[in-house]
Amino acid sequence: MFFIRLGKFVAWALIILGGVGAVIGLVGVFTSDPQAWSHAYMGADTLGEEIDQRLMMVGVGLIFGLLVEIAERLGAAPDSDAKS
């Protein structure tokens, strides 16, 4: 159960942090100097690169969360072969 809880935490952290980073990157697109915004707040060379990385974080978080849900259901399923 510990690893399932840890997996849920990591999945939610990836989704939330990736989403917040993508929103910050999209706000930076509408500033007067996106290049300076990306260096100051995002730490990347371009905003497109940073937004892409953050959206990948969201995707990885969703896939990781799906795998955690599958593991949780498999762990809760009764083992019918052990009774035989």
PDB file of N, CA and C in Angstrom:
ATOM      1  N   MET A   1       0.806  -1.193   0.000  1.00  0.00           N
ATOM      2  CA  MET A   1       0.000   0.000   0.000  1.00  0.00           C
ATOM      3  C   MET A   1       0.853   1.264   0.000  1.00  0.00           C
ATOM      4  N   PHE A   2       2.034   1.192   0.587  1.00  0.00           N
ATOM      5  CA  PHE A   2       2.897   2.371   0.646  1.00  0.00           C
ATOM      6  C   PHE A   2       3.272   2.849  -0.750  1.00  0.00           C
ATOM      7  N   PHE A   3       3.626   1.916  -1.628  1.00  0.00           N
ATOM      8  CA  PHE A   3       4.080   2.299  -2.959  1.00  0.00           C
ATOM      9  C   PHE A   3       2.929   2.806  -3.821  1.00  0.00           C
ATOM     10  N   ILE A   4       1.730   2.313  -3.567  1.00  0.00           N
ATOM     11  CA  ILE A   4       0.575   2.820  -4.316  1.00  0.00           C
ATOM     12  C   ILE A   4       0.284   4.258  -3.891  1.00  0.00           C
ATOM     13  N   ARG A   5       0.339   4.526  -2.587  1.00  0.00           N
ATOM     14  CA  ARG A   5       0.139   5.903  -2.111  1.00  0.00           C
ATOM     15  C   ARG A   5       1.237   6.820  -2.632  1.00  0.00           C
ATOM     16  N   LEU A   6       2.470   6.335  -2.614  1.00  0.00           N
ATOM     17  CA  LEU A   6       3.579   7.127  -3.131  1.00  0.00           C
ATOM     18  C   LEU A   6       3.405   7.385  -4.623  1.00  0.00           C
ATOM     19  N   GLY A   7       2.964   6.367  -5.351  1.00  0.00           N
ATOM     20  CA  GLY A   7       2.723   6.525  -6.784  1.00  0.00           C
ATOM     21  C   GLY A   7       1.632   7.536  -7.074  1.00  0.00           C
ATOM     22  N   LYS A   8       0.566   7.521  -6.272  1.00  0.00           N
ATOM     23  CA  LYS A   8      -0.502   8.510  -6.454  1.00  0.00           C
ATOM     24  C   LYS A   8       0.016   9.921  -6.196  1.00  0.00           C
ATOM     25  N   PHE A   9       0.827  10.064  -5.156  1.00  0.00           N
ATOM     26  CA  PHE A   9       1.404  11.368  -4.852  1.00  0.00           C
ATOM     27  C   PHE A   9       2.286  11.864  -5.987  1.00  0.00           C
ATOM     28  N   VAL A  10       3.142  11.000  -6.504  1.00  0.00           N
ATOM     29  CA  VAL A  10       4.047  11.383  -7.595  1.00  0.00           C
ATOM     30  C   VAL A  10       3.247  11.734  -8.847  1.00  0.00           C
ATOM     31  N   ALA A  11       2.216  10.960  -9.150  1.00  0.00           N
ATOM     32  CA  ALA A  11       1.396  11.235 -10.328  1.00  0.00           C
ATOM     33  C   ALA A  11       0.721  12.598 -10.201  1.00  0.00           C
ATOM     34  N   TRP A  12       0.119  12.873  -9.046  1.00  0.00           N
ATOM     35  CA  TRP A  12      -0.536  14.163  -8.853  1.00  0.00           C
ATOM     36  C   TRP A  12       0.481  15.304  -8.883  1.00  0.00           C
ATOM     37  N   ALA A  13       1.653  15.090  -8.314  1.00  0.00           N
ATOM     38  CA  ALA A  13       2.684  16.136  -8.324  1.00  0.00           C
ATOM     39  C   ALA A  13       3.118  16.454  -9.753  1.00  0.00           C
ATOM     40  N   LEU A  14       3.305  15.421 -10.570  1.00  0.00           N
ATOM     41  CA  LEU A  14       3.682  15.653 -11.966  1.00  0.00           C
ATOM     42  C   LEU A  14       2.601  16.411 -12.711  1.00  0.00           C
ATOM     43  N   ILE A  15       1.350  16.036 -12.494  1.00  0.00           N
ATOM     44  CA  ILE A  15       0.253  16.703 -13.195  1.00  0.00           C
ATOM     45  C   ILE A  15       0.143  18.166 -12.766  1.00  0.00           C
ATOM     46  N   ILE A  16       0.181  18.409 -11.470  1.00  0.00           N
ATOM     47  CA  ILE A  16       0.011  19.780 -10.974  1.00  0.00           C
ATOM     48  C   ILE A  16       1.197  20.663 -11.344  1.00  0.00           C
ATOM     49  N   LEU A  17       2.408  20.184 -11.089  1.00  0.00           N
ATOM     50  CA  LEU A  17       3.590  21.006 -11.387  1.00  0.00           C
ATOM     51  C   LEU A  17       3.758  21.227 -12.886  1.00  0.00           C
ATOM     52  N   GLY A  18       3.467  20.206 -13.681  1.00  0.00           N
ATOM     53  CA  GLY A  18       3.535  20.375 -15.125  1.00  0.00           C
ATOM     54  C   GLY A  18       2.494  21.347 -15.636  1.00  0.00           C
ATOM     55  N   GLY A  19       1.294  21.267 -15.094  1.00  0.00           N
ATOM     56  CA  GLY A  19       0.227  22.182 -15.506  1.00  0.00           C
ATOM     57  C   GLY A  19       0.527  23.622 -15.131  1.00  0.00           C
ATOM     58  N   VAL A  20       1.021  23.823 -13.912  1.00  0.00           N
ATOM     59  CA  VAL A  20       1.372  25.182 -13.478  1.00  0.00           C
ATOM     60  C   VAL A  20       2.503  25.736 -14.336  1.00  0.00           C
ATOM     61  N   GLY A  21       3.492  24.916 -14.628  1.00  0.00           N
ATOM     62  CA  GLY A  21       4.597  25.367 -15.473  1.00  0.00           C
ATOM     63  C   GLY A  21       4.148  25.708 -16.883  1.00  0.00           C
ATOM     64  N   ALA A  22       3.223  24.913 -17.427  1.00  0.00           N
ATOM     65  CA  ALA A  22       2.711  25.206 -18.767  1.00  0.00           C
ATOM     66  C   ALA A  22       1.931  26.515 -18.775  1.00  0.00           C
ATOM     67  N   VAL A  23       1.147  26.761 -17.732  1.00  0.00           N
ATOM     68  CA  VAL A  23       0.399  28.018 -17.642  1.00  0.00           C
ATOM     69  C   VAL A  23       1.350  29.206 -17.518  1.00  0.00           C
ATOM     70  N   ILE A  24       2.391  29.065 -16.716  1.00  0.00           N
ATOM     71  CA  ILE A  24       3.376  30.144 -16.592  1.00  0.00           C
ATOM     72  C   ILE A  24       4.045  30.396 -17.947  1.00  0.00           C
ATOM     73  N   GLY A  25       4.335  29.341 -18.669  1.00  0.00           N
ATOM     74  CA  GLY A  25       4.920  29.502 -19.998  1.00  0.00           C
ATOM     75  C   GLY A  25       3.982  30.176 -20.974  1.00  0.00           C
ATOM     76  N   LEU A  26       2.696  29.831 -20.902  1.00  0.00           N
ATOM     77  CA  LEU A  26       1.726  30.467 -21.795  1.00  0.00           C
ATOM     78  C   LEU A  26       1.518  31.937 -21.441  1.00  0.00           C
ATOM     79  N   VAL A  27       1.613  32.278 -20.170  1.00  0.00           N
ATOM     80  CA  VAL A  27       1.547  33.694 -19.781  1.00  0.00           C
ATOM     81  C   VAL A  27       2.752  34.430 -20.357  1.00  0.00           C
ATOM     82  N   GLY A  28       3.895  33.788 -20.343  1.00  0.00           N
ATOM     83  CA  GLY A  28       5.103  34.408 -20.875  1.00  0.00           C
ATOM     84  C   GLY A  28       5.045  34.685 -22.359  1.00  0.00           C
ATOM     85  N   VAL A  29       4.230  33.934 -23.095  1.00  0.00           N
ATOM     86  CA  VAL A  29       4.096  34.160 -24.537  1.00  0.00           C
ATOM     87  C   VAL A  29       3.516  35.542 -24.807  1.00  0.00           C
ATOM     88  N   PHE A  30       2.640  36.009 -23.929  1.00  0.00           N
ATOM     89  CA  PHE A  30       1.947  37.277 -24.149  1.00  0.00           C
ATOM     90  C   PHE A  30       2.661  38.474 -23.528  1.00  0.00           C
ATOM     91  N   THR A  31       3.870  38.296 -23.014  1.00  0.00           N
ATOM     92  CA  THR A  31       4.630  39.418 -22.478  1.00  0.00           C
ATOM     93  C   THR A  31       5.328  40.146 -23.614  1.00  0.00           C
ATOM     94  N   SER A  32       5.873  41.307 -23.287  1.00  0.00           N
ATOM     95  CA  SER A  32       6.542  42.102 -24.317  1.00  0.00           C
ATOM     96  C   SER A  32       7.865  41.477 -24.750  1.00  0.00           C
ATOM     97  N   ASP A  33       8.528  40.749 -23.851  1.00  0.00           N
ATOM     98  CA  ASP A  33       9.812  40.127 -24.183  1.00  0.00           C
ATOM     99  C   ASP A  33       9.809  38.662 -23.720  1.00  0.00           C
ATOM    100  N   PRO A  34       9.271  37.755 -24.555  1.00  0.00           N
ATOM    101  CA  PRO A  34       9.196  36.353 -24.141  1.00  0.00           C
ATOM    102  C   PRO A  34      10.554  35.711 -23.869  1.00  0.00           C
ATOM    103  N   GLN A  35      11.584  36.147 -24.562  1.00  0.00           N
ATOM    104  CA  GLN A  35      12.916  35.573 -24.368  1.00  0.00           C
ATOM    105  C   GLN A  35      13.426  35.863 -22.953  1.00  0.00           C
ATOM    106  N   ALA A  36      13.257  37.091 -22.506  1.00  0.00           N
ATOM    107  CA  ALA A  36      13.684  37.449 -21.151  1.00  0.00           C
ATOM    108  C   ALA A  36      12.827  36.725 -20.115  1.00  0.00           C
ATOM    109  N   TRP A  37      11.544  36.562 -20.403  1.00  0.00           N
ATOM    110  CA  TRP A  37      10.626  35.847 -19.495  1.00  0.00           C
ATOM    111  C   TRP A  37      11.085  34.399 -19.339  1.00  0.00           C
ATOM    112  N   SER A  38      11.454  33.770 -20.454  1.00  0.00           N
ATOM    113  CA  SER A  38      11.858  32.365 -20.382  1.00  0.00           C
ATOM    114  C   SER A  38      13.153  32.199 -19.596  1.00  0.00           C
ATOM    115  N   HIS A  39      14.070  33.127 -19.738  1.00  0.00           N
ATOM    116  CA  HIS A  39      15.321  33.038 -18.977  1.00  0.00           C
ATOM    117  C   HIS A  39      15.103  33.348 -17.504  1.00  0.00           C
ATOM    118  N   ALA A  40      14.242  34.310 -17.203  1.00  0.00           N
ATOM    119  CA  ALA A  40      14.051  34.746 -15.820  1.00  0.00           C
ATOM    120  C   ALA A  40      13.220  33.761 -15.009  1.00  0.00           C
ATOM    121  N   TYR A  41      12.132  33.258 -15.594  1.00  0.00           N
ATOM    122  CA  TYR A  41      11.180  32.481 -14.809  1.00  0.00           C
ATOM    123  C   TYR A  41      11.146  30.994 -15.127  1.00  0.00           C
ATOM    124  N   MET A  42      11.579  30.615 -16.298  1.00  0.00           N
ATOM    125  CA  MET A  42      11.441  29.223 -16.707  1.00  0.00           C
ATOM    126  C   MET A  42      12.769  28.482 -16.754  1.00  0.00           C
ATOM    127  N   GLY A  43      13.844  29.165 -16.968  1.00  0.00           N
ATOM    128  CA  GLY A  43      15.145  28.514 -17.007  1.00  0.00           C
ATOM    129  C   GLY A  43      15.431  27.770 -18.296  1.00  0.00           C
ATOM    130  N   ALA A  44      14.735  28.132 -19.362  1.00  0.00           N
ATOM    131  CA  ALA A  44      14.942  27.464 -20.652  1.00  0.00           C
ATOM    132  C   ALA A  44      15.369  28.493 -21.694  1.00  0.00           C
ATOM    133  N   ASP A  45      15.864  27.986 -22.810  1.00  0.00           N
ATOM    134  CA  ASP A  45      16.270  28.898 -23.886  1.00  0.00           C
ATOM    135  C   ASP A  45      15.059  29.523 -24.574  1.00  0.00           C
ATOM    136  N   THR A  46      14.023  28.733 -24.803  1.00  0.00           N
ATOM    137  CA  THR A  46      12.820  29.246 -25.447  1.00  0.00           C
ATOM    138  C   THR A  46      11.584  28.819 -24.658  1.00  0.00           C
ATOM    139  N   LEU A  47      10.530  29.586 -24.797  1.00  0.00           N
ATOM    140  CA  LEU A  47       9.292  29.239 -24.105  1.00  0.00           C
ATOM    141  C   LEU A  47       8.658  27.986 -24.691  1.00  0.00           C
ATOM    142  N   GLY A  48       8.773  27.818 -25.997  1.00  0.00           N
ATOM    143  CA  GLY A  48       8.202  26.627 -26.634  1.00  0.00           C
ATOM    144  C   GLY A  48       8.821  25.351 -26.090  1.00  0.00           C
ATOM    145  N   GLU A  49      10.105  25.387 -25.888  1.00  0.00           N
ATOM    146  CA  GLU A  49      10.816  24.237 -25.331  1.00  0.00           C
ATOM    147  C   GLU A  49      10.321  23.928 -23.915  1.00  0.00           C
ATOM    148  N   GLU A  50      10.155  24.972 -23.113  1.00  0.00           N
ATOM    149  CA  GLU A  50       9.723  24.783 -21.727  1.00  0.00           C
ATOM    150  C   GLU A  50       8.265  24.321 -21.656  1.00  0.00           C
ATOM    151  N   ILE A  51       7.399  24.903 -22.471  1.00  0.00           N
ATOM    152  CA  ILE A  51       5.997  24.488 -22.485  1.00  0.00           C
ATOM    153  C   ILE A  51       5.893  23.030 -22.916  1.00  0.00           C
ATOM    154  N   ASP A  52       6.688  22.645 -23.892  1.00  0.00           N
ATOM    155  CA  ASP A  52       6.697  21.255 -24.348  1.00  0.00           C
ATOM    156  C   ASP A  52       7.113  20.310 -23.224  1.00  0.00           C
ATOM    157  N   GLN A  53       8.153  20.665 -22.484  1.00  0.00           N
ATOM    158  CA  GLN A  53       8.608  19.824 -21.377  1.00  0.00           C
ATOM    159  C   GLN A  53       7.551  19.722 -20.292  1.00  0.00           C
ATOM    160  N   ARG A  54       6.873  20.822 -20.001  1.00  0.00           N
ATOM    161  CA  ARG A  54       5.843  20.808 -18.960  1.00  0.00           C
ATOM    162  C   ARG A  54       4.626  19.993 -19.387  1.00  0.00           C
ATOM    163  N   LEU A  55       4.253  20.071 -20.642  1.00  0.00           N
ATOM    164  CA  LEU A  55       3.136  19.249 -21.118  1.00  0.00           C
ATOM    165  C   LEU A  55       3.514  17.766 -21.126  1.00  0.00           C
ATOM    166  N   MET A  56       4.777  17.478 -21.367  1.00  0.00           N
ATOM    167  CA  MET A  56       5.244  16.093 -21.256  1.00  0.00           C
ATOM    168  C   MET A  56       5.148  15.624 -19.808  1.00  0.00           C
ATOM    169  N   MET A  57       5.431  16.498 -18.848  1.00  0.00           N
ATOM    170  CA  MET A  57       5.282  16.146 -17.436  1.00  0.00           C
ATOM    171  C   MET A  57       3.838  15.784 -17.120  1.00  0.00           C
ATOM    172  N   VAL A  58       2.900  16.555 -17.663  1.00  0.00           N
ATOM    173  CA  VAL A  58       1.482  16.262 -17.442  1.00  0.00           C
ATOM    174  C   VAL A  58       1.141  14.902 -18.036  1.00  0.00           C
ATOM    175  N   GLY A  59       1.620  14.640 -19.249  1.00  0.00           N
ATOM    176  CA  GLY A  59       1.359  13.349 -19.893  1.00  0.00           C
ATOM    177  C   GLY A  59       1.945  12.181 -19.122  1.00  0.00           C
ATOM    178  N   VAL A  60       3.157  12.335 -18.647  1.00  0.00           N
ATOM    179  CA  VAL A  60       3.793  11.277 -17.856  1.00  0.00           C
ATOM    180  C   VAL A  60       3.034  11.077 -16.543  1.00  0.00           C
ATOM    181  N   GLY A  61       2.570  12.161 -15.950  1.00  0.00           N
ATOM    182  CA  GLY A  61       1.786  12.055 -14.728  1.00  0.00           C
ATOM    183  C   GLY A  61       0.482  11.308 -14.947  1.00  0.00           C
ATOM    184  N   LEU A  62      -0.178  11.569 -16.074  1.00  0.00           N
ATOM    185  CA  LEU A  62      -1.421  10.857 -16.389  1.00  0.00           C
ATOM    186  C   LEU A  62      -1.168   9.364 -16.607  1.00  0.00           C
ATOM    187  N   ILE A  63      -0.119   9.050 -17.338  1.00  0.00           N
ATOM    188  CA  ILE A  63       0.202   7.634 -17.588  1.00  0.00           C
ATOM    189  C   ILE A  63       0.601   6.948 -16.288  1.00  0.00           C
ATOM    190  N   PHE A  64       1.396   7.625 -15.479  1.00  0.00           N
ATOM    191  CA  PHE A  64       1.818   7.056 -14.195  1.00  0.00           C
ATOM    192  C   PHE A  64       0.620   6.836 -13.281  1.00  0.00           C
ATOM    193  N   GLY A  65      -0.301   7.792 -13.261  1.00  0.00           N
ATOM    194  CA  GLY A  65      -1.512   7.644 -12.463  1.00  0.00           C
ATOM    195  C   GLY A  65      -2.366   6.486 -12.932  1.00  0.00           C
ATOM    196  N   LEU A  66      -2.439   6.300 -14.236  1.00  0.00           N
ATOM    197  CA  LEU A  66      -3.190   5.172 -14.789  1.00  0.00           C
ATOM    198  C   LEU A  66      -2.556   3.851 -14.367  1.00  0.00           C
ATOM    199  N   LEU A  67      -1.249   3.773 -14.409  1.00  0.00           N
ATOM    200  CA  LEU A  67      -0.552   2.557 -13.984  1.00  0.00           C
ATOM    201  C   LEU A  67      -0.741   2.293 -12.488  1.00  0.00           C
ATOM    202  N   VAL A  68      -0.783   3.348 -11.695  1.00  0.00           N
ATOM    203  CA  VAL A  68      -1.019   3.180 -10.261  1.00  0.00           C
ATOM    204  C   VAL A  68      -2.427   2.648 -10.017  1.00  0.00           C
ATOM    205  N   GLU A  69      -3.407   3.155 -10.754  1.00  0.00           N
ATOM    206  CA  GLU A  69      -4.784   2.667 -10.612  1.00  0.00           C
ATOM    207  C   GLU A  69      -4.878   1.187 -10.994  1.00  0.00           C
ATOM    208  N   ILE A  70      -4.191   0.806 -12.054  1.00  0.00           N
ATOM    209  CA  ILE A  70      -4.182  -0.605 -12.463  1.00  0.00           C
ATOM    210  C   ILE A  70      -3.545  -1.462 -11.386  1.00  0.00           C
ATOM    211  N   ALA A  71      -2.426  -1.001 -10.837  1.00  0.00           N
ATOM    212  CA  ALA A  71      -1.745  -1.763  -9.779  1.00  0.00           C
ATOM    213  C   ALA A  71      -2.621  -1.873  -8.542  1.00  0.00           C
ATOM    214  N   GLU A  72      -3.345  -0.829  -8.230  1.00  0.00           N
ATOM    215  CA  GLU A  72      -4.215  -0.850  -7.060  1.00  0.00           C
ATOM    216  C   GLU A  72      -5.350  -1.856  -7.246  1.00  0.00           C
ATOM    217  N   ARG A  73      -5.931  -1.892  -8.427  1.00  0.00           N
ATOM    218  CA  ARG A  73      -7.018  -2.850  -8.683  1.00  0.00           C
ATOM    219  C   ARG A  73      -6.510  -4.282  -8.743  1.00  0.00           C
ATOM    220  N   LEU A  74      -5.318  -4.483  -9.276  1.00  0.00           N
ATOM    221  CA  LEU A  74      -4.767  -5.835  -9.313  1.00  0.00           C
ATOM    222  C   LEU A  74      -4.413  -6.317  -7.916  1.00  0.00           C
ATOM    223  N   GLY A  75      -3.960  -5.414  -7.073  1.00  0.00           N
ATOM    224  CA  GLY A  75      -3.629  -5.791  -5.707  1.00  0.00           C
ATOM    225  C   GLY A  75      -4.853  -6.085  -4.869  1.00  0.00           C
ATOM    226  N   ALA A  76      -5.997  -5.496  -5.205  1.00  0.00           N
ATOM    227  CA  ALA A  76      -7.217  -5.691  -4.435  1.00  0.00           C
ATOM    228  C   ALA A  76      -8.039  -6.873  -4.944  1.00  0.00           C
ATOM    229  N   ALA A  77      -7.718  -7.378  -6.129  1.00  0.00           N
ATOM    230  CA  ALA A  77      -8.488  -8.484  -6.709  1.00  0.00           C
ATOM    231  C   ALA A  77      -8.189  -9.775  -5.942  1.00  0.00           C
ATOM    232  N   PRO A  78      -9.216 -10.582  -5.698  1.00  0.00           N
ATOM    233  CA  PRO A  78      -8.967 -11.874  -5.015  1.00  0.00           C
ATOM    234  C   PRO A  78      -8.176 -12.793  -5.923  1.00  0.00           C
ATOM    235  N   ASP A  79      -7.272 -13.524  -5.319  1.00  0.00           N
ATOM    236  CA  ASP A  79      -6.434 -14.453  -6.071  1.00  0.00           C
ATOM    237  C   ASP A  79      -7.104 -15.814  -6.082  1.00  0.00           C
ATOM    238  N   SER A  80      -7.783 -16.157  -7.169  1.00  0.00           N
ATOM    239  CA  SER A  80      -8.533 -17.415  -7.231  1.00  0.00           C
ATOM    240  C   SER A  80      -7.629 -18.631  -7.427  1.00  0.00           C
ATOM    241  N   ASP A  81      -6.410 -18.433  -7.965  1.00  0.00           N
ATOM    242  CA  ASP A  81      -5.522 -19.569  -8.178  1.00  0.00           C
ATOM    243  C   ASP A  81      -4.912 -20.074  -6.863  1.00  0.00           C
ATOM    244  N   ALA A  82      -4.781 -19.215  -5.865  1.00  0.00           N
ATOM    245  CA  ALA A  82      -4.149 -19.607  -4.608  1.00  0.00           C
ATOM    246  C   ALA A  82      -5.045 -20.537  -3.803  1.00  0.00           C
ATOM    247  N   LYS A  83      -6.347 -20.498  -4.001  1.00  0.00           N
ATOM    248  CA  LYS A  83      -7.272 -21.330  -3.253  1.00  0.00           C
ATOM    249  C   LYS A  83      -7.304 -22.770  -3.759  1.00  0.00           C
ATOM    250  N   SER A  84      -6.922 -22.986  -4.988  1.00  0.00           N
ATOM    251  CA  SER A  84      -6.990 -24.322  -5.586  1.00  0.00           C
ATOM    252  C   SER A  84      -5.872 -25.215  -5.135  1.00  0.00           C
TER     253      SER A  84
END
